[in-house]
């Protein structure tokens, strides 16, 4: 495979609609939560799953949530910078031949931008999915967080598959 960029119509940018879909679904679900739930109000969906309105001024797992406000702008700049880097990276990928990493990057970018919109609009991220088991509880999250997680998983899967291909190539 050549190191030159693919033509724009064949680049990883073809996966940008996945980013847009992630943002739309994320913002739609957050709008529903904000309209229908008061802060900390919850509804049990399953014995291990609640819909819970929570506000997270920090990052994943409420990291830096109590840092005094500077973290809002730090995570805003970080999400913007990561999104620009992903756009550049996607431009280098071949949409079909490198579908797994392109989809992963598109999901990560969609999730980052979904949470960025919240930070700019509210000063915090709206979380609402709360998974728990007995006394154990996973921090509340949202669609954007799920997209980032799945996207990162796809990138790890691609790295593993590439490692396997290289290893198989060395054994041949």
N, C-alpha and C. Protein backbone atom coordinates (compact mmCIF):
# COMPACT_ATOMS: atom_id res chain seq x y z
N UNK A 1 0.84 -1.17 0.00
CA UNK A 1 0.00 0.00 0.00
C UNK A 1 0.89 1.24 0.00
N UNK A 2 0.55 2.20 -0.77
CA UNK A 2 1.32 3.43 -0.92
C UNK A 2 1.13 4.34 0.28
N UNK A 3 2.13 5.18 0.53
CA UNK A 3 2.05 6.12 1.64
C UNK A 3 1.35 7.42 1.27
N UNK A 4 1.01 7.60 0.00
CA UNK A 4 0.36 8.84 -0.40
C UNK A 4 -1.11 8.82 0.02
N UNK A 5 -1.65 10.03 0.16
CA UNK A 5 -3.05 10.15 0.56
C UNK A 5 -3.97 9.62 -0.54
N UNK A 6 -5.05 8.98 -0.14
CA UNK A 6 -6.02 8.54 -1.15
C UNK A 6 -6.79 9.76 -1.67
N UNK A 7 -7.40 9.64 -2.83
CA UNK A 7 -8.25 10.74 -3.29
C UNK A 7 -9.32 11.02 -2.24
N UNK A 8 -9.73 12.25 -2.14
CA UNK A 8 -10.68 12.66 -1.11
C UNK A 8 -11.92 11.76 -1.10
N UNK A 9 -12.42 11.40 -2.26
CA UNK A 9 -13.65 10.59 -2.33
C UNK A 9 -13.44 9.16 -1.84
N UNK A 10 -12.19 8.76 -1.63
CA UNK A 10 -11.89 7.42 -1.11
C UNK A 10 -11.23 7.46 0.26
N UNK A 11 -11.14 8.63 0.85
CA UNK A 11 -10.44 8.79 2.12
C UNK A 11 -11.35 8.41 3.29
N UNK A 12 -10.77 8.38 4.46
CA UNK A 12 -11.51 8.10 5.68
C UNK A 12 -12.58 9.13 5.99
N UNK A 13 -12.55 10.24 5.27
CA UNK A 13 -13.61 11.24 5.46
C UNK A 13 -14.98 10.69 5.09
N UNK A 14 -15.02 9.61 4.33
CA UNK A 14 -16.31 8.98 4.02
C UNK A 14 -17.00 8.48 5.28
N UNK A 15 -16.24 8.35 6.38
CA UNK A 15 -16.81 7.89 7.64
C UNK A 15 -17.33 9.05 8.50
N UNK A 16 -17.19 10.28 8.04
CA UNK A 16 -17.67 11.43 8.82
C UNK A 16 -19.18 11.40 9.10
N UNK A 17 -20.02 10.84 8.22
CA UNK A 17 -21.44 10.73 8.61
C UNK A 17 -21.65 9.92 9.89
N UNK A 18 -20.76 8.98 10.18
CA UNK A 18 -20.85 8.24 11.44
C UNK A 18 -20.62 9.19 12.62
N UNK A 19 -19.68 10.10 12.48
CA UNK A 19 -19.45 11.12 13.52
C UNK A 19 -20.69 11.98 13.70
N UNK A 20 -21.27 12.41 12.59
CA UNK A 20 -22.47 13.25 12.65
C UNK A 20 -23.61 12.48 13.32
N UNK A 21 -23.79 11.22 12.96
CA UNK A 21 -24.85 10.41 13.58
C UNK A 21 -24.62 10.28 15.08
N UNK A 22 -23.37 10.07 15.49
CA UNK A 22 -23.07 9.97 16.92
C UNK A 22 -23.44 11.26 17.64
N UNK A 23 -23.11 12.39 17.05
CA UNK A 23 -23.43 13.68 17.66
C UNK A 23 -24.93 13.88 17.75
N UNK A 24 -25.64 13.57 16.67
CA UNK A 24 -27.10 13.77 16.64
C UNK A 24 -27.79 12.90 17.69
N UNK A 25 -27.44 11.62 17.74
CA UNK A 25 -28.06 10.72 18.73
C UNK A 25 -27.70 11.16 20.14
N UNK A 26 -26.44 11.52 20.35
CA UNK A 26 -26.00 11.97 21.67
C UNK A 26 -26.79 13.21 22.11
N UNK A 27 -26.85 14.21 21.27
CA UNK A 27 -27.52 15.45 21.64
C UNK A 27 -29.03 15.25 21.79
N UNK A 28 -29.61 14.40 20.96
CA UNK A 28 -31.04 14.11 21.07
C UNK A 28 -31.36 13.46 22.41
N UNK A 29 -30.58 12.46 22.80
CA UNK A 29 -30.84 11.79 24.07
C UNK A 29 -30.62 12.73 25.25
N UNK A 30 -29.61 13.57 25.18
CA UNK A 30 -29.37 14.52 26.27
C UNK A 30 -30.48 15.55 26.36
N UNK A 31 -31.02 15.97 25.22
CA UNK A 31 -32.14 16.91 25.22
C UNK A 31 -33.35 16.30 25.89
N UNK A 32 -33.62 15.02 25.60
CA UNK A 32 -34.73 14.32 26.26
C UNK A 32 -34.52 14.26 27.77
N UNK A 33 -33.32 13.93 28.19
CA UNK A 33 -33.04 13.83 29.63
C UNK A 33 -33.23 15.19 30.30
N UNK A 34 -32.69 16.25 29.70
CA UNK A 34 -32.81 17.58 30.29
C UNK A 34 -34.27 18.03 30.37
N UNK A 35 -35.08 17.64 29.40
CA UNK A 35 -36.48 18.05 29.38
C UNK A 35 -37.35 17.24 30.34
N UNK A 36 -36.96 16.01 30.62
CA UNK A 36 -37.86 15.12 31.36
C UNK A 36 -37.41 14.75 32.77
N UNK A 37 -36.16 15.04 33.12
CA UNK A 37 -35.64 14.66 34.43
C UNK A 37 -35.07 15.87 35.14
N UNK A 38 -35.27 15.91 36.44
CA UNK A 38 -34.60 16.88 37.28
C UNK A 38 -33.21 16.32 37.62
N UNK A 39 -32.30 17.19 38.01
CA UNK A 39 -30.96 16.75 38.39
C UNK A 39 -31.06 15.68 39.48
N UNK A 40 -30.38 14.57 39.29
CA UNK A 40 -30.30 13.40 40.18
C UNK A 40 -31.58 12.56 40.21
N UNK A 41 -32.59 12.93 39.44
CA UNK A 41 -33.79 12.10 39.34
C UNK A 41 -33.44 10.85 38.52
N UNK A 42 -34.00 9.71 38.91
CA UNK A 42 -33.69 8.48 38.19
C UNK A 42 -34.92 7.60 38.04
N UNK A 43 -34.86 6.74 37.05
CA UNK A 43 -35.90 5.74 36.80
C UNK A 43 -35.18 4.42 36.58
N UNK A 44 -35.63 3.38 37.27
CA UNK A 44 -35.03 2.05 37.10
C UNK A 44 -35.60 1.41 35.84
N UNK A 45 -34.71 0.99 34.95
CA UNK A 45 -35.09 0.33 33.71
C UNK A 45 -34.96 -1.18 33.87
N UNK A 46 -33.87 -1.61 34.47
CA UNK A 46 -33.59 -3.00 34.77
C UNK A 46 -33.00 -3.04 36.18
N UNK A 47 -32.93 -4.19 36.81
CA UNK A 47 -32.35 -4.24 38.16
C UNK A 47 -30.90 -3.73 38.21
N UNK A 48 -30.23 -3.68 37.07
CA UNK A 48 -28.84 -3.23 37.03
C UNK A 48 -28.66 -1.93 36.24
N UNK A 49 -29.76 -1.31 35.80
CA UNK A 49 -29.67 -0.15 34.93
C UNK A 49 -30.71 0.91 35.29
N UNK A 50 -30.23 2.12 35.51
CA UNK A 50 -31.11 3.26 35.75
C UNK A 50 -30.84 4.32 34.70
N UNK A 51 -31.87 5.11 34.42
CA UNK A 51 -31.68 6.36 33.69
C UNK A 51 -31.64 7.43 34.77
N UNK A 52 -30.53 8.14 34.84
CA UNK A 52 -30.26 9.08 35.93
C UNK A 52 -29.69 10.37 35.35
N UNK A 53 -30.31 11.48 35.64
CA UNK A 53 -29.75 12.75 35.16
C UNK A 53 -28.63 13.19 36.09
N UNK A 54 -27.45 13.32 35.49
CA UNK A 54 -26.28 13.76 36.24
C UNK A 54 -25.53 14.79 35.40
N UNK A 55 -24.86 15.71 36.08
CA UNK A 55 -24.04 16.72 35.40
C UNK A 55 -22.59 16.48 35.78
N UNK A 56 -21.73 16.37 34.78
CA UNK A 56 -20.32 16.08 35.02
C UNK A 56 -19.47 17.23 34.48
N UNK A 57 -18.92 18.06 35.37
CA UNK A 57 -18.05 19.14 34.90
C UNK A 57 -16.63 18.66 34.60
N UNK A 58 -16.34 17.41 34.92
CA UNK A 58 -15.00 16.86 34.69
C UNK A 58 -14.95 16.05 33.42
N UNK A 59 -14.09 15.05 33.43
CA UNK A 59 -13.93 14.16 32.28
C UNK A 59 -14.50 12.80 32.64
N UNK A 60 -14.05 11.78 31.94
CA UNK A 60 -14.53 10.43 32.19
C UNK A 60 -14.42 10.08 33.67
N UNK A 61 -15.45 9.42 34.17
CA UNK A 61 -15.52 9.00 35.57
C UNK A 61 -15.41 10.18 36.53
N UNK A 62 -15.86 11.36 36.08
CA UNK A 62 -15.85 12.60 36.87
C UNK A 62 -14.45 13.05 37.24
N UNK A 63 -13.46 12.63 36.47
CA UNK A 63 -12.07 13.05 36.69
C UNK A 63 -12.00 14.57 36.64
N UNK A 64 -11.44 15.18 37.65
CA UNK A 64 -11.28 16.63 37.80
C UNK A 64 -12.60 17.37 37.93
N UNK A 65 -13.67 16.68 38.31
CA UNK A 65 -14.97 17.33 38.41
C UNK A 65 -14.97 18.48 39.42
N UNK A 66 -14.19 18.37 40.48
CA UNK A 66 -14.17 19.41 41.50
C UNK A 66 -12.98 20.34 41.39
N UNK A 67 -12.45 20.53 40.20
CA UNK A 67 -11.20 21.28 40.03
C UNK A 67 -11.38 22.80 40.00
N UNK A 68 -12.58 23.29 40.10
CA UNK A 68 -12.76 24.73 40.22
C UNK A 68 -13.12 25.47 38.94
N UNK A 69 -13.31 24.80 37.83
CA UNK A 69 -13.77 25.44 36.61
C UNK A 69 -12.79 25.47 35.45
N UNK A 70 -11.50 25.49 35.73
CA UNK A 70 -10.52 25.55 34.65
C UNK A 70 -10.60 24.32 33.75
N UNK A 71 -11.06 23.19 34.32
CA UNK A 71 -11.10 21.93 33.56
C UNK A 71 -12.08 22.01 32.39
N UNK A 72 -13.12 22.85 32.52
CA UNK A 72 -14.08 23.01 31.41
C UNK A 72 -13.34 23.45 30.16
N UNK A 73 -12.50 24.45 30.29
CA UNK A 73 -11.79 24.98 29.12
C UNK A 73 -10.66 24.06 28.68
N UNK A 74 -10.04 23.39 29.62
CA UNK A 74 -9.01 22.42 29.28
C UNK A 74 -9.60 21.30 28.41
N UNK A 75 -10.73 20.73 28.85
CA UNK A 75 -11.34 19.64 28.10
C UNK A 75 -11.96 20.13 26.80
N UNK A 76 -12.39 21.38 26.76
CA UNK A 76 -12.90 21.97 25.52
C UNK A 76 -11.79 22.06 24.48
N UNK A 77 -10.64 22.60 24.88
CA UNK A 77 -9.50 22.70 23.96
C UNK A 77 -9.01 21.31 23.57
N UNK A 78 -8.95 20.41 24.54
CA UNK A 78 -8.50 19.04 24.26
C UNK A 78 -9.42 18.37 23.23
N UNK A 79 -10.73 18.46 23.41
CA UNK A 79 -11.67 17.85 22.47
C UNK A 79 -11.54 18.47 21.08
N UNK A 80 -11.37 19.77 21.03
CA UNK A 80 -11.19 20.43 19.74
C UNK A 80 -9.91 19.99 19.05
N UNK A 81 -8.82 19.93 19.81
CA UNK A 81 -7.54 19.51 19.26
C UNK A 81 -7.55 18.07 18.79
N UNK A 82 -8.15 17.20 19.58
CA UNK A 82 -8.25 15.78 19.22
C UNK A 82 -9.09 15.64 17.94
N UNK A 83 -10.16 16.41 17.84
CA UNK A 83 -11.01 16.33 16.65
C UNK A 83 -10.27 16.77 15.40
N UNK A 84 -9.48 17.82 15.49
CA UNK A 84 -8.68 18.27 14.34
C UNK A 84 -7.66 17.19 13.97
N UNK A 85 -7.01 16.61 14.96
CA UNK A 85 -6.03 15.54 14.69
C UNK A 85 -6.71 14.35 14.03
N UNK A 86 -7.91 14.01 14.48
CA UNK A 86 -8.63 12.88 13.89
C UNK A 86 -9.02 13.19 12.45
N UNK A 87 -9.45 14.42 12.18
CA UNK A 87 -9.76 14.80 10.79
C UNK A 87 -8.55 14.61 9.88
N UNK A 88 -7.39 15.03 10.36
CA UNK A 88 -6.16 14.88 9.58
C UNK A 88 -5.84 13.39 9.38
N UNK A 89 -5.97 12.61 10.44
CA UNK A 89 -5.70 11.17 10.39
C UNK A 89 -6.67 10.48 9.42
N UNK A 90 -7.96 10.81 9.53
CA UNK A 90 -8.95 10.21 8.65
C UNK A 90 -8.65 10.51 7.18
N UNK A 91 -8.15 11.71 6.91
CA UNK A 91 -7.83 12.09 5.53
C UNK A 91 -6.75 11.18 4.95
N UNK A 92 -5.89 10.63 5.80
CA UNK A 92 -4.80 9.77 5.35
C UNK A 92 -5.25 8.33 5.10
N UNK A 93 -6.38 7.94 5.69
CA UNK A 93 -6.84 6.55 5.60
C UNK A 93 -7.63 6.30 4.32
N UNK A 94 -7.61 5.06 3.91
CA UNK A 94 -8.44 4.62 2.78
C UNK A 94 -9.74 4.09 3.36
N UNK A 95 -10.85 4.67 2.94
CA UNK A 95 -12.16 4.42 3.54
C UNK A 95 -12.52 2.94 3.61
N UNK A 96 -12.27 2.20 2.55
CA UNK A 96 -12.67 0.79 2.54
C UNK A 96 -11.59 -0.12 3.09
N UNK A 97 -10.37 0.07 2.67
CA UNK A 97 -9.29 -0.81 3.09
C UNK A 97 -8.98 -0.65 4.58
N UNK A 98 -9.24 0.52 5.12
CA UNK A 98 -8.95 0.79 6.53
C UNK A 98 -10.24 1.17 7.26
N UNK A 99 -11.28 0.41 7.02
CA UNK A 99 -12.61 0.71 7.57
C UNK A 99 -12.65 0.65 9.09
N UNK A 100 -11.97 -0.32 9.70
CA UNK A 100 -12.05 -0.47 11.16
C UNK A 100 -11.44 0.74 11.86
N UNK A 101 -10.21 1.16 11.54
CA UNK A 101 -9.70 2.34 12.22
C UNK A 101 -10.47 3.61 11.84
N UNK A 102 -10.93 3.71 10.60
CA UNK A 102 -11.70 4.90 10.20
C UNK A 102 -13.00 5.00 10.98
N UNK A 103 -13.70 3.88 11.14
CA UNK A 103 -14.93 3.89 11.94
C UNK A 103 -14.63 4.22 13.39
N UNK A 104 -13.55 3.65 13.92
CA UNK A 104 -13.17 3.94 15.30
C UNK A 104 -12.87 5.42 15.51
N UNK A 105 -12.11 6.00 14.60
CA UNK A 105 -11.78 7.42 14.71
C UNK A 105 -13.03 8.29 14.57
N UNK A 106 -13.91 7.92 13.65
CA UNK A 106 -15.16 8.68 13.47
C UNK A 106 -16.00 8.66 14.74
N UNK A 107 -16.07 7.50 15.40
CA UNK A 107 -16.83 7.41 16.65
C UNK A 107 -16.19 8.21 17.76
N UNK A 108 -14.87 8.13 17.88
CA UNK A 108 -14.18 8.91 18.92
C UNK A 108 -14.43 10.40 18.69
N UNK A 109 -14.31 10.85 17.45
CA UNK A 109 -14.52 12.26 17.16
C UNK A 109 -15.97 12.67 17.42
N UNK A 110 -16.93 11.85 17.00
CA UNK A 110 -18.32 12.17 17.27
C UNK A 110 -18.61 12.28 18.76
N UNK A 111 -18.06 11.35 19.54
CA UNK A 111 -18.25 11.41 20.99
C UNK A 111 -17.59 12.62 21.61
N UNK A 112 -16.37 12.92 21.18
CA UNK A 112 -15.66 14.09 21.71
C UNK A 112 -16.42 15.37 21.40
N UNK A 113 -16.94 15.47 20.18
CA UNK A 113 -17.68 16.68 19.81
C UNK A 113 -19.04 16.75 20.50
N UNK A 114 -19.68 15.60 20.72
CA UNK A 114 -20.94 15.58 21.47
C UNK A 114 -20.76 16.13 22.87
N UNK A 115 -19.71 15.69 23.55
CA UNK A 115 -19.45 16.20 24.90
C UNK A 115 -18.94 17.64 24.87
N UNK A 116 -18.22 18.01 23.81
CA UNK A 116 -17.77 19.40 23.66
C UNK A 116 -18.96 20.34 23.55
N UNK A 117 -19.97 19.95 22.81
CA UNK A 117 -21.19 20.77 22.70
C UNK A 117 -21.78 21.01 24.08
N UNK A 118 -21.85 19.97 24.90
CA UNK A 118 -22.37 20.12 26.27
C UNK A 118 -21.55 21.11 27.08
N UNK A 119 -20.24 20.97 27.02
CA UNK A 119 -19.37 21.86 27.80
C UNK A 119 -19.58 23.31 27.40
N UNK A 120 -19.68 23.54 26.10
CA UNK A 120 -19.88 24.92 25.63
C UNK A 120 -21.27 25.44 25.97
N UNK A 121 -22.27 24.58 25.85
CA UNK A 121 -23.66 25.00 26.07
C UNK A 121 -24.03 25.09 27.55
N UNK A 122 -23.55 24.15 28.37
CA UNK A 122 -24.00 24.07 29.76
C UNK A 122 -22.88 24.29 30.79
N UNK A 123 -21.65 24.07 30.39
CA UNK A 123 -20.55 24.12 31.34
C UNK A 123 -20.28 22.78 32.00
N UNK A 124 -21.02 21.77 31.60
CA UNK A 124 -20.87 20.40 32.10
C UNK A 124 -21.39 19.45 31.03
N UNK A 125 -21.10 18.16 31.22
CA UNK A 125 -21.59 17.13 30.32
C UNK A 125 -22.79 16.46 30.99
N UNK A 126 -23.84 16.23 30.22
CA UNK A 126 -25.03 15.55 30.73
C UNK A 126 -24.81 14.04 30.60
N UNK A 127 -24.84 13.35 31.73
CA UNK A 127 -24.73 11.89 31.77
C UNK A 127 -26.07 11.33 32.22
N UNK A 128 -26.39 10.12 31.78
CA UNK A 128 -27.70 9.58 32.16
C UNK A 128 -27.81 8.07 32.21
N UNK A 129 -26.83 7.34 31.76
CA UNK A 129 -26.88 5.87 31.84
C UNK A 129 -26.11 5.47 33.09
N UNK A 130 -26.80 4.80 34.01
CA UNK A 130 -26.17 4.40 35.27
C UNK A 130 -26.31 2.89 35.44
N UNK A 131 -25.18 2.21 35.38
CA UNK A 131 -25.13 0.75 35.53
C UNK A 131 -24.62 0.44 36.94
N UNK A 132 -25.28 -0.50 37.59
CA UNK A 132 -24.89 -0.85 38.97
C UNK A 132 -25.22 -2.31 39.25
N UNK A 133 -24.56 -2.84 40.26
CA UNK A 133 -24.83 -4.21 40.73
C UNK A 133 -24.63 -4.22 42.22
N UNK A 134 -25.70 -4.49 42.94
CA UNK A 134 -25.69 -4.48 44.40
C UNK A 134 -25.08 -3.16 44.90
N UNK A 135 -24.00 -3.20 45.66
CA UNK A 135 -23.41 -1.96 46.16
C UNK A 135 -22.38 -1.37 45.19
N UNK A 136 -22.11 -2.03 44.09
CA UNK A 136 -21.14 -1.56 43.11
C UNK A 136 -21.83 -0.70 42.06
N UNK A 137 -21.17 0.38 41.68
CA UNK A 137 -21.79 1.31 40.75
C UNK A 137 -20.75 1.82 39.76
N UNK A 138 -21.11 1.82 38.48
CA UNK A 138 -20.26 2.38 37.44
C UNK A 138 -20.68 3.84 37.27
N UNK A 139 -19.74 4.76 37.10
CA UNK A 139 -20.13 6.16 36.93
C UNK A 139 -21.09 6.33 35.75
N UNK A 140 -22.03 7.26 35.91
CA UNK A 140 -22.99 7.53 34.84
C UNK A 140 -22.25 7.99 33.58
N UNK A 141 -22.82 7.64 32.43
CA UNK A 141 -22.21 8.02 31.16
C UNK A 141 -23.31 8.36 30.16
N UNK A 142 -22.93 8.64 28.93
CA UNK A 142 -23.89 9.04 27.90
C UNK A 142 -23.53 8.40 26.57
N UNK A 143 -24.28 8.73 25.53
CA UNK A 143 -24.03 8.16 24.20
C UNK A 143 -22.65 8.55 23.69
N UNK A 144 -22.24 9.80 23.90
CA UNK A 144 -20.92 10.25 23.45
C UNK A 144 -19.82 9.42 24.10
N UNK A 145 -19.94 9.17 25.39
CA UNK A 145 -18.95 8.34 26.09
C UNK A 145 -18.92 6.93 25.52
N UNK A 146 -20.10 6.38 25.22
CA UNK A 146 -20.16 5.04 24.64
C UNK A 146 -19.50 5.03 23.26
N UNK A 147 -19.71 6.08 22.47
CA UNK A 147 -19.08 6.16 21.14
C UNK A 147 -17.56 6.23 21.27
N UNK A 148 -17.07 7.01 22.22
CA UNK A 148 -15.63 7.11 22.44
C UNK A 148 -15.07 5.74 22.83
N UNK A 149 -15.76 5.04 23.71
CA UNK A 149 -15.31 3.73 24.17
C UNK A 149 -15.31 2.70 23.04
N UNK A 150 -16.39 2.65 22.27
CA UNK A 150 -16.46 1.71 21.15
C UNK A 150 -15.42 2.07 20.10
N UNK A 151 -15.26 3.37 19.82
CA UNK A 151 -14.25 3.81 18.85
C UNK A 151 -12.85 3.42 19.28
N UNK A 152 -12.54 3.63 20.56
CA UNK A 152 -11.22 3.23 21.06
C UNK A 152 -11.04 1.72 20.97
N UNK A 153 -12.11 0.98 21.24
CA UNK A 153 -12.05 -0.48 21.10
C UNK A 153 -11.77 -0.90 19.66
N UNK A 154 -12.38 -0.22 18.70
CA UNK A 154 -12.12 -0.53 17.29
C UNK A 154 -10.67 -0.22 16.92
N UNK A 155 -10.12 0.86 17.46
CA UNK A 155 -8.72 1.19 17.19
C UNK A 155 -7.79 0.12 17.79
N UNK A 156 -8.10 -0.33 19.00
CA UNK A 156 -7.31 -1.40 19.60
C UNK A 156 -7.44 -2.70 18.81
N UNK A 157 -8.65 -3.00 18.36
CA UNK A 157 -8.86 -4.19 17.54
C UNK A 157 -8.02 -4.10 16.26
N UNK A 158 -8.02 -2.95 15.62
CA UNK A 158 -7.23 -2.78 14.40
C UNK A 158 -5.74 -2.95 14.68
N UNK A 159 -5.28 -2.42 15.78
CA UNK A 159 -3.85 -2.58 16.12
C UNK A 159 -3.53 -4.06 16.35
N UNK A 160 -4.42 -4.77 17.02
CA UNK A 160 -4.22 -6.20 17.25
C UNK A 160 -4.21 -6.97 15.93
N UNK A 161 -5.17 -6.66 15.06
CA UNK A 161 -5.23 -7.35 13.77
C UNK A 161 -4.00 -7.04 12.91
N UNK A 162 -3.54 -5.80 12.97
CA UNK A 162 -2.33 -5.43 12.23
C UNK A 162 -1.12 -6.18 12.78
N UNK A 163 -1.03 -6.29 14.09
CA UNK A 163 0.06 -7.05 14.72
C UNK A 163 0.02 -8.51 14.27
N UNK A 164 -1.20 -9.08 14.22
CA UNK A 164 -1.34 -10.48 13.77
C UNK A 164 -0.93 -10.62 12.31
N UNK A 165 -1.29 -9.66 11.47
CA UNK A 165 -0.90 -9.71 10.06
C UNK A 165 0.60 -9.63 9.92
N UNK A 166 1.21 -8.72 10.67
CA UNK A 166 2.68 -8.59 10.62
C UNK A 166 3.35 -9.86 11.12
N UNK A 167 2.84 -10.43 12.18
CA UNK A 167 3.40 -11.66 12.75
C UNK A 167 3.26 -12.80 11.76
N UNK A 168 2.11 -12.89 11.12
CA UNK A 168 1.90 -13.95 10.12
C UNK A 168 2.82 -13.74 8.93
N UNK A 169 3.05 -12.51 8.56
CA UNK A 169 3.95 -12.20 7.44
C UNK A 169 5.38 -12.58 7.75
N UNK A 170 5.78 -12.44 9.00
CA UNK A 170 7.14 -12.80 9.39
C UNK A 170 7.32 -14.31 9.41
N UNK A 171 6.25 -15.04 9.68
CA UNK A 171 6.36 -16.50 9.76
C UNK A 171 6.31 -17.15 8.37
N UNK A 172 5.82 -16.46 7.37
CA UNK A 172 5.67 -17.06 6.04
C UNK A 172 7.00 -17.33 5.39
